[in-house]
Amino acid sequence: MLSIRGIDHLVFRTTDLGAMLAFYQGILGCQLERELPEEGLTQLRAGKALIDIVTCDSKLGRLGGGPPVQDGRNVDHICLLIEAMEEQALLDYLAHHGIATQGFARRYGAQGFGRSLYIHDPEGNVVELKLAKG
């Protein structure tokens, strides 16, 4: 059984980075965490979590399909921080429940760099599971 600690980060897609930053930084007070312009990624601190903003025309943004529209996808994925466990134990647990993965990778999130993997919920939403540090 998994034990979720909380939301590590969520990823919004945008065609107007300036407007998104004006809203999340200027109005909501999120602080800039880091920027990777070559990837099209801006990360903002939201308490213990991060809000990632990905420009749709960037390398990362193109992976999510076309730009968000009224009936299109705007949230790229959410990341849940789970209690530390052996990677193989998590892979076995997910396989037992018929959930496919592409394996673990090192990724940056609200707790810094760590190991995570992607899965899909029954509606096709992307959920990243990130292992908490020991």
N, C-alpha and C. Protein backbone atom coordinates (compact mmCIF):
# COMPACT_ATOMS: atom_id res chain seq x y z
N MET A 1 0.85 -1.20 0.00
CA MET A 1 0.00 0.00 0.00
C MET A 1 0.88 1.24 0.00
N LEU A 2 0.49 2.23 -0.76
CA LEU A 2 1.21 3.49 -0.82
C LEU A 2 0.75 4.42 0.30
N SER A 3 1.65 5.29 0.73
CA SER A 3 1.33 6.30 1.72
C SER A 3 1.72 7.66 1.13
N ILE A 4 0.73 8.46 0.81
CA ILE A 4 0.96 9.75 0.17
C ILE A 4 1.20 10.82 1.23
N ARG A 5 2.29 11.57 1.06
CA ARG A 5 2.62 12.68 1.95
C ARG A 5 1.95 13.98 1.51
N GLY A 6 1.73 14.12 0.22
CA GLY A 6 1.13 15.35 -0.27
C GLY A 6 1.42 15.55 -1.74
N ILE A 7 1.06 16.69 -2.25
CA ILE A 7 1.35 17.03 -3.64
C ILE A 7 2.74 17.64 -3.70
N ASP A 8 3.60 17.09 -4.54
CA ASP A 8 4.94 17.62 -4.72
C ASP A 8 4.88 18.80 -5.70
N HIS A 9 4.26 18.59 -6.85
CA HIS A 9 4.11 19.66 -7.82
C HIS A 9 2.99 19.36 -8.79
N LEU A 10 2.57 20.39 -9.49
CA LEU A 10 1.65 20.22 -10.61
C LEU A 10 2.17 21.05 -11.76
N VAL A 11 1.80 20.65 -12.96
CA VAL A 11 2.37 21.27 -14.16
C VAL A 11 1.25 21.82 -15.03
N PHE A 12 1.28 23.15 -15.23
CA PHE A 12 0.34 23.81 -16.12
C PHE A 12 1.03 24.09 -17.45
N ARG A 13 0.27 23.99 -18.54
CA ARG A 13 0.75 24.34 -19.87
C ARG A 13 0.19 25.72 -20.22
N THR A 14 0.98 26.52 -20.94
CA THR A 14 0.51 27.87 -21.26
C THR A 14 1.01 28.34 -22.63
N THR A 15 0.23 29.25 -23.21
CA THR A 15 0.66 29.95 -24.43
C THR A 15 1.06 31.38 -24.09
N ASP A 16 0.90 31.78 -22.81
CA ASP A 16 1.22 33.15 -22.39
C ASP A 16 1.94 33.10 -21.04
N LEU A 17 3.25 32.86 -21.09
CA LEU A 17 4.04 32.75 -19.87
C LEU A 17 3.97 34.02 -19.04
N GLY A 18 4.03 35.16 -19.69
CA GLY A 18 3.98 36.43 -18.96
C GLY A 18 2.73 36.58 -18.12
N ALA A 19 1.59 36.24 -18.68
CA ALA A 19 0.33 36.34 -17.94
C ALA A 19 0.30 35.35 -16.78
N MET A 20 0.81 34.15 -17.01
CA MET A 20 0.84 33.15 -15.94
C MET A 20 1.74 33.60 -14.80
N LEU A 21 2.91 34.14 -15.13
CA LEU A 21 3.82 34.61 -14.09
C LEU A 21 3.24 35.82 -13.36
N ALA A 22 2.58 36.71 -14.10
CA ALA A 22 1.95 37.86 -13.45
C ALA A 22 0.91 37.39 -12.43
N PHE A 23 0.17 36.35 -12.79
CA PHE A 23 -0.86 35.83 -11.88
C PHE A 23 -0.24 35.11 -10.68
N TYR A 24 0.60 34.09 -10.95
CA TYR A 24 1.11 33.26 -9.86
C TYR A 24 2.17 33.97 -9.01
N GLN A 25 2.98 34.83 -9.61
CA GLN A 25 3.96 35.58 -8.83
C GLN A 25 3.37 36.89 -8.31
N GLY A 26 2.84 37.68 -9.23
CA GLY A 26 2.37 39.01 -8.87
C GLY A 26 1.14 39.03 -7.99
N ILE A 27 0.18 38.18 -8.28
CA ILE A 27 -1.07 38.19 -7.52
C ILE A 27 -1.04 37.19 -6.35
N LEU A 28 -0.60 35.96 -6.62
CA LEU A 28 -0.62 34.93 -5.57
C LEU A 28 0.65 34.89 -4.73
N GLY A 29 1.71 35.56 -5.17
CA GLY A 29 2.92 35.66 -4.35
C GLY A 29 3.87 34.48 -4.39
N CYS A 30 3.74 33.63 -5.40
CA CYS A 30 4.69 32.50 -5.53
C CYS A 30 6.07 33.05 -5.91
N GLN A 31 7.10 32.46 -5.35
CA GLN A 31 8.47 32.89 -5.63
C GLN A 31 9.09 32.01 -6.72
N LEU A 32 9.95 32.62 -7.53
CA LEU A 32 10.66 31.88 -8.56
C LEU A 32 11.59 30.87 -7.91
N GLU A 33 11.47 29.60 -8.28
CA GLU A 33 12.33 28.53 -7.77
C GLU A 33 13.50 28.30 -8.73
N ARG A 34 13.18 28.08 -10.01
CA ARG A 34 14.23 27.93 -11.02
C ARG A 34 13.61 28.02 -12.40
N GLU A 35 14.46 28.33 -13.38
CA GLU A 35 14.04 28.43 -14.77
C GLU A 35 14.95 27.58 -15.65
N LEU A 36 14.35 26.90 -16.60
CA LEU A 36 15.08 26.15 -17.61
C LEU A 36 14.52 26.59 -18.97
N PRO A 37 14.92 27.76 -19.44
CA PRO A 37 14.33 28.30 -20.67
C PRO A 37 14.53 27.40 -21.88
N GLU A 38 15.65 26.67 -21.95
CA GLU A 38 15.87 25.78 -23.08
C GLU A 38 14.87 24.63 -23.11
N GLU A 39 14.27 24.32 -21.98
CA GLU A 39 13.25 23.29 -21.89
C GLU A 39 11.83 23.88 -21.94
N GLY A 40 11.72 25.20 -21.71
CA GLY A 40 10.41 25.84 -21.66
C GLY A 40 9.76 25.69 -20.30
N LEU A 41 10.56 25.59 -19.24
CA LEU A 41 10.05 25.31 -17.89
C LEU A 41 10.40 26.43 -16.92
N THR A 42 9.38 26.89 -16.19
CA THR A 42 9.56 27.83 -15.09
C THR A 42 8.92 27.20 -13.87
N GLN A 43 9.65 27.17 -12.75
CA GLN A 43 9.14 26.54 -11.53
C GLN A 43 8.99 27.60 -10.44
N LEU A 44 7.81 27.62 -9.84
CA LEU A 44 7.49 28.58 -8.78
C LEU A 44 7.22 27.83 -7.48
N ARG A 45 7.68 28.39 -6.38
CA ARG A 45 7.45 27.81 -5.06
C ARG A 45 6.06 28.19 -4.59
N ALA A 46 5.29 27.18 -4.17
CA ALA A 46 3.94 27.38 -3.62
C ALA A 46 3.89 26.65 -2.28
N GLY A 47 4.41 27.27 -1.24
CA GLY A 47 4.52 26.60 0.05
C GLY A 47 5.50 25.46 -0.02
N LYS A 48 5.07 24.26 0.35
CA LYS A 48 5.94 23.08 0.29
C LYS A 48 5.93 22.42 -1.09
N ALA A 49 5.12 22.93 -2.00
CA ALA A 49 4.97 22.35 -3.33
C ALA A 49 5.49 23.31 -4.39
N LEU A 50 5.53 22.83 -5.63
CA LEU A 50 5.91 23.67 -6.76
C LEU A 50 4.77 23.73 -7.77
N ILE A 51 4.70 24.85 -8.46
CA ILE A 51 3.86 24.99 -9.64
C ILE A 51 4.82 25.15 -10.80
N ASP A 52 4.79 24.20 -11.71
CA ASP A 52 5.62 24.26 -12.92
C ASP A 52 4.77 24.83 -14.04
N ILE A 53 5.34 25.75 -14.79
CA ILE A 53 4.65 26.32 -15.93
C ILE A 53 5.48 26.00 -17.17
N VAL A 54 4.86 25.32 -18.12
CA VAL A 54 5.53 24.88 -19.34
C VAL A 54 4.90 25.59 -20.53
N THR A 55 5.74 26.23 -21.34
CA THR A 55 5.22 26.90 -22.54
C THR A 55 4.93 25.85 -23.61
N CYS A 56 3.77 25.95 -24.22
CA CYS A 56 3.30 24.94 -25.18
C CYS A 56 4.19 24.78 -26.40
N ASP A 57 4.88 25.85 -26.79
CA ASP A 57 5.72 25.77 -27.99
C ASP A 57 7.16 25.34 -27.68
N SER A 58 7.41 24.93 -26.44
CA SER A 58 8.76 24.50 -26.03
C SER A 58 8.94 23.00 -26.20
N LYS A 59 10.15 22.56 -25.98
CA LYS A 59 10.47 21.12 -26.05
C LYS A 59 9.53 20.31 -25.14
N LEU A 60 9.41 20.71 -23.88
CA LEU A 60 8.51 20.00 -22.97
C LEU A 60 7.05 20.18 -23.35
N GLY A 61 6.70 21.40 -23.72
CA GLY A 61 5.31 21.71 -24.04
C GLY A 61 4.77 20.92 -25.21
N ARG A 62 5.58 20.69 -26.22
CA ARG A 62 5.13 19.94 -27.39
C ARG A 62 4.82 18.49 -27.04
N LEU A 63 5.42 17.96 -25.98
CA LEU A 63 5.12 16.59 -25.55
C LEU A 63 3.67 16.45 -25.09
N GLY A 64 3.05 17.55 -24.64
CA GLY A 64 1.68 17.52 -24.15
C GLY A 64 0.63 17.76 -25.20
N GLY A 65 1.04 17.88 -26.47
CA GLY A 65 0.08 18.11 -27.54
C GLY A 65 -0.08 19.59 -27.83
N GLY A 66 -1.23 19.92 -28.42
CA GLY A 66 -1.51 21.30 -28.80
C GLY A 66 -1.74 22.20 -27.59
N PRO A 67 -1.86 23.50 -27.85
CA PRO A 67 -2.09 24.44 -26.75
C PRO A 67 -3.44 24.22 -26.09
N PRO A 68 -3.57 24.63 -24.82
CA PRO A 68 -4.85 24.46 -24.13
C PRO A 68 -5.94 25.29 -24.79
N VAL A 69 -7.10 24.69 -24.91
CA VAL A 69 -8.30 25.36 -25.41
C VAL A 69 -9.43 25.00 -24.44
N GLN A 70 -10.59 25.53 -24.71
CA GLN A 70 -11.72 25.31 -23.79
C GLN A 70 -11.91 23.83 -23.46
N ASP A 71 -11.82 22.95 -24.46
CA ASP A 71 -12.03 21.53 -24.21
C ASP A 71 -10.73 20.73 -24.30
N GLY A 72 -9.59 21.41 -24.20
CA GLY A 72 -8.30 20.73 -24.32
C GLY A 72 -7.61 20.54 -22.99
N ARG A 73 -6.46 19.93 -23.04
CA ARG A 73 -5.69 19.62 -21.84
C ARG A 73 -4.81 20.80 -21.45
N ASN A 74 -4.95 21.24 -20.21
CA ASN A 74 -4.15 22.34 -19.70
C ASN A 74 -3.22 21.86 -18.59
N VAL A 75 -3.66 20.92 -17.79
CA VAL A 75 -2.80 20.37 -16.75
C VAL A 75 -2.01 19.23 -17.37
N ASP A 76 -0.69 19.37 -17.37
CA ASP A 76 0.16 18.34 -17.95
C ASP A 76 0.17 17.10 -17.06
N HIS A 77 0.48 17.29 -15.78
CA HIS A 77 0.43 16.18 -14.83
C HIS A 77 0.48 16.70 -13.40
N ILE A 78 0.14 15.83 -12.46
CA ILE A 78 0.34 16.12 -11.04
C ILE A 78 1.38 15.15 -10.52
N CYS A 79 2.07 15.56 -9.47
CA CYS A 79 3.07 14.69 -8.85
C CYS A 79 2.72 14.51 -7.38
N LEU A 80 2.55 13.27 -6.97
CA LEU A 80 2.28 12.95 -5.58
C LEU A 80 3.57 12.49 -4.91
N LEU A 81 3.87 13.07 -3.76
CA LEU A 81 5.01 12.65 -2.96
C LEU A 81 4.57 11.49 -2.09
N ILE A 82 5.25 10.35 -2.22
CA ILE A 82 4.87 9.16 -1.44
C ILE A 82 6.01 8.81 -0.48
N GLU A 83 5.64 8.08 0.57
CA GLU A 83 6.64 7.64 1.55
C GLU A 83 7.73 6.84 0.85
N ALA A 84 8.94 6.94 1.36
CA ALA A 84 10.08 6.22 0.80
C ALA A 84 9.82 4.72 0.84
N MET A 85 10.19 4.05 -0.25
CA MET A 85 10.11 2.60 -0.33
C MET A 85 11.08 2.13 -1.41
N GLU A 86 11.34 0.86 -1.45
CA GLU A 86 12.22 0.32 -2.48
C GLU A 86 11.56 0.49 -3.85
N GLU A 87 12.35 0.92 -4.84
CA GLU A 87 11.81 1.13 -6.17
C GLU A 87 11.17 -0.14 -6.72
N GLN A 88 11.82 -1.27 -6.57
CA GLN A 88 11.28 -2.52 -7.10
C GLN A 88 9.97 -2.89 -6.43
N ALA A 89 9.84 -2.58 -5.13
CA ALA A 89 8.59 -2.86 -4.41
C ALA A 89 7.45 -2.05 -5.02
N LEU A 90 7.71 -0.80 -5.38
CA LEU A 90 6.67 0.02 -6.00
C LEU A 90 6.34 -0.50 -7.40
N LEU A 91 7.36 -0.85 -8.16
CA LEU A 91 7.12 -1.40 -9.49
C LEU A 91 6.28 -2.68 -9.40
N ASP A 92 6.60 -3.55 -8.45
CA ASP A 92 5.85 -4.79 -8.26
C ASP A 92 4.41 -4.51 -7.85
N TYR A 93 4.24 -3.54 -6.95
CA TYR A 93 2.90 -3.17 -6.48
C TYR A 93 2.05 -2.68 -7.66
N LEU A 94 2.60 -1.80 -8.47
CA LEU A 94 1.86 -1.26 -9.62
C LEU A 94 1.56 -2.35 -10.64
N ALA A 95 2.54 -3.21 -10.91
CA ALA A 95 2.33 -4.31 -11.85
C ALA A 95 1.23 -5.25 -11.36
N HIS A 96 1.20 -5.50 -10.06
CA HIS A 96 0.17 -6.36 -9.47
C HIS A 96 -1.23 -5.80 -9.74
N HIS A 97 -1.32 -4.48 -9.82
CA HIS A 97 -2.60 -3.82 -10.07
C HIS A 97 -2.81 -3.49 -11.55
N GLY A 98 -1.94 -4.03 -12.41
CA GLY A 98 -2.11 -3.84 -13.85
C GLY A 98 -1.78 -2.45 -14.34
N ILE A 99 -0.94 -1.73 -13.60
CA ILE A 99 -0.59 -0.36 -13.98
C ILE A 99 0.80 -0.36 -14.62
N ALA A 100 0.85 0.09 -15.86
CA ALA A 100 2.10 0.12 -16.61
C ALA A 100 2.93 1.34 -16.21
N THR A 101 4.26 1.17 -16.25
CA THR A 101 5.19 2.27 -16.01
C THR A 101 6.32 2.17 -17.03
N GLN A 102 7.07 3.23 -17.12
CA GLN A 102 8.28 3.21 -17.94
C GLN A 102 9.51 3.21 -17.06
N GLY A 103 9.34 2.99 -15.78
CA GLY A 103 10.47 2.93 -14.87
C GLY A 103 10.79 4.27 -14.25
N PHE A 104 11.76 4.24 -13.36
CA PHE A 104 12.16 5.42 -12.59
C PHE A 104 13.18 6.28 -13.33
N ALA A 105 13.17 7.57 -12.98
CA ALA A 105 14.16 8.52 -13.48
C ALA A 105 14.40 9.55 -12.37
N ARG A 106 15.51 10.24 -12.47
CA ARG A 106 15.84 11.31 -11.52
C ARG A 106 15.22 12.60 -12.04
N ARG A 107 14.37 13.22 -11.21
CA ARG A 107 13.67 14.44 -11.61
C ARG A 107 13.67 15.45 -10.47
N TYR A 108 13.49 16.70 -10.82
CA TYR A 108 13.44 17.78 -9.84
C TYR A 108 12.00 18.04 -9.43
N GLY A 109 11.78 18.25 -8.14
CA GLY A 109 10.46 18.59 -7.61
C GLY A 109 10.60 19.49 -6.41
N ALA A 110 9.55 19.61 -5.64
CA ALA A 110 9.52 20.52 -4.50
C ALA A 110 10.54 20.17 -3.43
N GLN A 111 10.90 18.90 -3.33
CA GLN A 111 11.88 18.46 -2.35
C GLN A 111 13.28 18.36 -2.94
N GLY A 112 13.49 18.90 -4.14
CA GLY A 112 14.77 18.80 -4.83
C GLY A 112 14.75 17.62 -5.78
N PHE A 113 15.93 17.15 -6.16
CA PHE A 113 16.03 16.01 -7.06
C PHE A 113 15.67 14.73 -6.32
N GLY A 114 15.01 13.83 -7.03
CA GLY A 114 14.64 12.54 -6.46
C GLY A 114 14.19 11.60 -7.55
N ARG A 115 13.86 10.39 -7.15
CA ARG A 115 13.46 9.35 -8.08
C ARG A 115 11.93 9.32 -8.20
N SER A 116 11.45 9.22 -9.44
CA SER A 116 10.01 9.19 -9.66
C SER A 116 9.70 8.39 -10.92
N LEU A 117 8.42 8.09 -11.07
CA LEU A 117 7.92 7.43 -12.28
C LEU A 117 6.55 7.98 -12.61
N TYR A 118 6.14 7.75 -13.86
CA TYR A 118 4.84 8.21 -14.34
C TYR A 118 3.89 7.03 -14.52
N ILE A 119 2.62 7.25 -14.17
CA ILE A 119 1.55 6.30 -14.43
C ILE A 119 0.36 7.09 -14.98
N HIS A 120 -0.68 6.38 -15.40
CA HIS A 120 -1.90 7.03 -15.88
C HIS A 120 -3.08 6.54 -15.04
N ASP A 121 -3.99 7.48 -14.70
CA ASP A 121 -5.20 7.07 -14.00
C ASP A 121 -6.20 6.53 -15.04
N PRO A 122 -7.37 6.05 -14.60
CA PRO A 122 -8.32 5.46 -15.55
C PRO A 122 -8.81 6.41 -16.64
N GLU A 123 -8.72 7.71 -16.42
CA GLU A 123 -9.13 8.68 -17.44
C GLU A 123 -7.98 9.13 -18.33
N GLY A 124 -6.79 8.57 -18.09
CA GLY A 124 -5.64 8.92 -18.90
C GLY A 124 -4.82 10.08 -18.37
N ASN A 125 -5.19 10.62 -17.20
CA ASN A 125 -4.41 11.70 -16.60
C ASN A 125 -3.06 11.16 -16.15
N VAL A 126 -2.03 11.97 -16.34
CA VAL A 126 -0.67 11.55 -15.96
C VAL A 126 -0.45 11.89 -14.49
N VAL A 127 0.00 10.88 -13.74
CA VAL A 127 0.30 11.03 -12.32
C VAL A 127 1.75 10.60 -12.12
N GLU A 128 2.55 11.51 -11.59
CA GLU A 128 3.93 11.18 -11.25
C GLU A 128 3.97 10.77 -9.77
N LEU A 129 4.63 9.68 -9.47
CA LEU A 129 4.83 9.25 -8.09
C LEU A 129 6.29 9.48 -7.74
N LYS A 130 6.54 10.33 -6.77
CA LYS A 130 7.91 10.67 -6.38
C LYS A 130 8.18 10.14 -4.99
N LEU A 131 9.27 9.40 -4.87
CA LEU A 131 9.65 8.82 -3.58
C LEU A 131 10.22 9.90 -2.67
N ALA A 132 9.69 9.98 -1.44
CA ALA A 132 10.24 10.89 -0.44
C ALA A 132 11.64 10.42 -0.09
N LYS A 133 12.47 11.35 0.28
CA LYS A 133 13.84 10.99 0.67
C LYS A 133 13.81 10.37 2.05
N GLY A 134 14.40 9.15 2.14
CA GLY A 134 14.52 8.37 3.36
C GLY A 134 14.07 9.05 4.55
